[in-house]
N, C-alpha and C. Protein backbone atom coordinates (compact mmCIF):
# COMPACT_ATOMS: atom_id res chain seq x y z
N UNK A 1 8.49 2.67 4.60
CA UNK A 1 8.38 1.35 5.20
C UNK A 1 8.87 0.33 4.17
N UNK A 2 9.79 -0.52 4.59
CA UNK A 2 10.36 -1.50 3.69
C UNK A 2 10.12 -2.90 4.23
N UNK A 3 9.44 -3.75 3.45
CA UNK A 3 9.26 -5.13 3.89
C UNK A 3 10.62 -5.82 4.09
N UNK A 4 10.69 -6.73 5.02
CA UNK A 4 11.92 -7.44 5.34
C UNK A 4 12.52 -8.07 4.09
N UNK A 5 13.80 -7.84 3.88
CA UNK A 5 14.50 -8.45 2.76
C UNK A 5 14.40 -7.66 1.46
N UNK A 6 13.74 -6.51 1.49
CA UNK A 6 13.59 -5.71 0.27
C UNK A 6 14.38 -4.42 0.39
N UNK A 7 14.76 -3.86 -0.75
CA UNK A 7 15.48 -2.61 -0.80
C UNK A 7 14.51 -1.45 -0.57
N UNK A 8 14.95 -0.47 0.20
CA UNK A 8 14.11 0.71 0.45
C UNK A 8 13.93 1.50 -0.84
N UNK A 9 12.73 2.01 -1.04
CA UNK A 9 12.42 2.83 -2.20
C UNK A 9 11.72 4.09 -1.70
N UNK A 10 11.95 5.20 -2.40
CA UNK A 10 11.30 6.46 -2.05
C UNK A 10 10.12 6.68 -2.96
N UNK A 11 8.96 6.97 -2.37
CA UNK A 11 7.76 7.25 -3.15
C UNK A 11 7.61 8.75 -3.25
N UNK A 12 7.80 9.31 -4.42
CA UNK A 12 7.72 10.74 -4.63
C UNK A 12 6.31 11.29 -4.67
N UNK A 13 5.31 10.43 -4.61
CA UNK A 13 3.92 10.87 -4.66
C UNK A 13 3.38 10.96 -3.24
N UNK A 14 3.19 12.19 -2.71
CA UNK A 14 2.73 12.34 -1.33
C UNK A 14 1.22 12.17 -1.17
N UNK A 15 0.48 12.10 -2.27
CA UNK A 15 -0.98 11.97 -2.20
C UNK A 15 -1.36 10.51 -1.90
N UNK A 16 -2.50 10.30 -1.21
CA UNK A 16 -2.94 8.92 -0.96
C UNK A 16 -3.16 8.18 -2.28
N UNK A 17 -2.59 7.01 -2.38
CA UNK A 17 -2.75 6.20 -3.59
C UNK A 17 -2.46 4.74 -3.26
N UNK A 18 -2.84 3.89 -4.18
CA UNK A 18 -2.64 2.44 -4.02
C UNK A 18 -1.35 2.05 -4.73
N UNK A 19 -0.61 1.14 -4.15
CA UNK A 19 0.57 0.58 -4.80
C UNK A 19 0.23 -0.81 -5.34
N UNK A 20 0.42 -1.02 -6.64
CA UNK A 20 0.32 -2.34 -7.23
C UNK A 20 1.75 -2.86 -7.32
N UNK A 21 2.03 -3.99 -6.68
CA UNK A 21 3.40 -4.49 -6.61
C UNK A 21 3.47 -5.87 -7.24
N UNK A 22 4.32 -6.00 -8.25
CA UNK A 22 4.49 -7.29 -8.92
C UNK A 22 5.38 -8.18 -8.07
N UNK A 23 4.89 -9.35 -7.74
CA UNK A 23 5.63 -10.30 -6.91
C UNK A 23 6.75 -11.00 -7.67
N UNK A 24 6.77 -10.88 -8.98
CA UNK A 24 7.80 -11.53 -9.79
C UNK A 24 8.99 -10.58 -10.04
N UNK A 25 8.72 -9.41 -10.64
CA UNK A 25 9.81 -8.51 -11.03
C UNK A 25 9.99 -7.33 -10.08
N UNK A 26 9.03 -7.09 -9.17
CA UNK A 26 9.14 -6.01 -8.21
C UNK A 26 8.66 -4.66 -8.70
N UNK A 27 8.12 -4.60 -9.91
CA UNK A 27 7.61 -3.34 -10.44
C UNK A 27 6.53 -2.79 -9.51
N UNK A 28 6.54 -1.47 -9.30
CA UNK A 28 5.53 -0.81 -8.48
C UNK A 28 4.79 0.19 -9.36
N UNK A 29 3.48 0.08 -9.37
CA UNK A 29 2.63 0.98 -10.14
C UNK A 29 1.78 1.77 -9.16
N UNK A 30 1.80 3.10 -9.29
CA UNK A 30 0.93 3.95 -8.46
C UNK A 30 -0.43 4.03 -9.12
N UNK A 31 -1.45 3.71 -8.36
CA UNK A 31 -2.82 3.72 -8.86
C UNK A 31 -3.60 4.80 -8.12
N UNK A 32 -4.02 5.82 -8.84
CA UNK A 32 -4.77 6.93 -8.23
C UNK A 32 -6.24 6.57 -8.15
N UNK A 33 -6.80 6.63 -6.97
CA UNK A 33 -8.22 6.36 -6.76
C UNK A 33 -8.72 7.26 -5.64
N UNK A 34 -9.97 7.65 -5.70
CA UNK A 34 -10.58 8.41 -4.61
C UNK A 34 -11.10 7.42 -3.56
N UNK A 35 -11.19 7.90 -2.35
CA UNK A 35 -11.78 7.13 -1.24
C UNK A 35 -11.10 5.78 -1.02
N UNK A 36 -9.78 5.79 -0.97
CA UNK A 36 -9.06 4.53 -0.74
C UNK A 36 -8.71 4.34 0.73
N UNK A 37 -8.95 5.36 1.54
CA UNK A 37 -8.58 5.29 2.94
C UNK A 37 -9.74 4.77 3.78
N UNK A 38 -9.40 4.20 4.93
CA UNK A 38 -10.41 3.79 5.89
C UNK A 38 -11.08 5.03 6.45
N UNK A 39 -12.33 4.91 6.82
CA UNK A 39 -13.05 6.04 7.41
C UNK A 39 -12.51 6.32 8.81
N UNK A 40 -12.79 7.51 9.30
CA UNK A 40 -12.39 7.88 10.65
C UNK A 40 -12.96 6.91 11.67
N UNK A 41 -14.20 6.50 11.47
CA UNK A 41 -14.84 5.56 12.39
C UNK A 41 -14.12 4.21 12.37
N UNK A 42 -13.75 3.73 11.18
CA UNK A 42 -13.03 2.44 11.10
C UNK A 42 -11.69 2.53 11.80
N UNK A 43 -10.98 3.64 11.61
CA UNK A 43 -9.68 3.82 12.26
C UNK A 43 -9.85 3.86 13.77
N UNK A 44 -10.85 4.60 14.25
CA UNK A 44 -11.08 4.67 15.69
C UNK A 44 -11.38 3.31 16.29
N UNK A 45 -12.13 2.48 15.57
CA UNK A 45 -12.43 1.12 16.05
C UNK A 45 -11.16 0.28 16.12
N UNK A 46 -10.32 0.39 15.10
CA UNK A 46 -9.05 -0.36 15.08
C UNK A 46 -8.16 0.11 16.23
N UNK A 47 -8.06 1.43 16.42
CA UNK A 47 -7.23 1.96 17.49
C UNK A 47 -7.69 1.45 18.86
N UNK A 48 -8.99 1.48 19.07
CA UNK A 48 -9.53 1.04 20.36
C UNK A 48 -9.30 -0.46 20.57
N UNK A 49 -9.58 -1.25 19.55
CA UNK A 49 -9.45 -2.70 19.65
C UNK A 49 -8.01 -3.14 19.92
N UNK A 50 -7.04 -2.42 19.34
CA UNK A 50 -5.64 -2.84 19.44
C UNK A 50 -4.78 -1.91 20.30
N UNK A 51 -5.43 -0.93 20.97
CA UNK A 51 -4.69 0.04 21.78
C UNK A 51 -3.51 0.58 20.97
N UNK A 52 -3.84 1.17 19.81
CA UNK A 52 -2.85 1.58 18.83
C UNK A 52 -3.26 2.94 18.26
N UNK A 53 -2.30 3.83 18.02
CA UNK A 53 -2.60 5.15 17.44
C UNK A 53 -2.13 5.17 15.98
N UNK A 54 -3.07 5.28 15.06
CA UNK A 54 -2.78 5.31 13.63
C UNK A 54 -2.43 6.74 13.23
N UNK A 55 -1.34 6.92 12.46
CA UNK A 55 -0.99 8.25 11.96
C UNK A 55 -0.77 8.28 10.44
N UNK A 56 -0.92 7.11 9.79
CA UNK A 56 -0.71 7.06 8.35
C UNK A 56 -1.37 5.81 7.80
N UNK A 57 -1.83 5.88 6.54
CA UNK A 57 -2.41 4.72 5.87
C UNK A 57 -1.71 4.50 4.53
N UNK A 58 -1.54 3.24 4.16
CA UNK A 58 -1.02 2.86 2.85
C UNK A 58 -1.75 1.61 2.41
N UNK A 59 -1.93 1.47 1.10
CA UNK A 59 -2.58 0.27 0.58
C UNK A 59 -1.67 -0.36 -0.47
N UNK A 60 -1.33 -1.63 -0.28
CA UNK A 60 -0.50 -2.37 -1.21
C UNK A 60 -1.30 -3.55 -1.75
N UNK A 61 -1.34 -3.68 -3.06
CA UNK A 61 -1.98 -4.83 -3.70
C UNK A 61 -0.89 -5.61 -4.42
N UNK A 62 -0.76 -6.88 -4.10
CA UNK A 62 0.29 -7.72 -4.68
C UNK A 62 -0.29 -8.64 -5.74
N UNK A 63 0.48 -8.87 -6.79
CA UNK A 63 0.06 -9.75 -7.87
C UNK A 63 1.14 -9.78 -8.93
N UNK A 64 0.74 -9.84 -10.19
CA UNK A 64 1.70 -9.95 -11.30
C UNK A 64 1.39 -8.94 -12.38
N UNK A 65 2.41 -8.22 -12.84
CA UNK A 65 2.24 -7.24 -13.90
C UNK A 65 1.96 -7.97 -15.23
N UNK A 66 1.61 -7.22 -16.24
CA UNK A 66 1.28 -7.80 -17.54
C UNK A 66 2.41 -8.66 -18.07
N UNK A 67 3.64 -8.18 -18.00
CA UNK A 67 4.81 -8.91 -18.50
C UNK A 67 4.97 -10.25 -17.76
N UNK A 68 4.93 -10.21 -16.44
CA UNK A 68 5.14 -11.42 -15.65
C UNK A 68 3.95 -12.36 -15.69
N UNK A 69 2.77 -11.82 -15.85
CA UNK A 69 1.56 -12.64 -15.92
C UNK A 69 1.54 -13.50 -17.19
N UNK A 70 2.22 -13.04 -18.24
CA UNK A 70 2.27 -13.78 -19.49
C UNK A 70 3.33 -14.87 -19.48
N UNK A 71 4.24 -14.81 -18.50
CA UNK A 71 5.34 -15.80 -18.43
C UNK A 71 4.83 -17.14 -17.96
């Protein structure tokens, strides 16, 4: 999935993980954490509320990396 106006990138890590994305330089850091996904119950509620079938989850956190934060 590529946000509008951005270059497509391939994520070689197939395991669930969080993406930390720098809004200044575009650096992406993979952050490994347990229990980062929504529960089955939460997904079912979202599906019902929006008449939508979820088949994948991703978490993106946007901010500034150490280098850009110091600028």
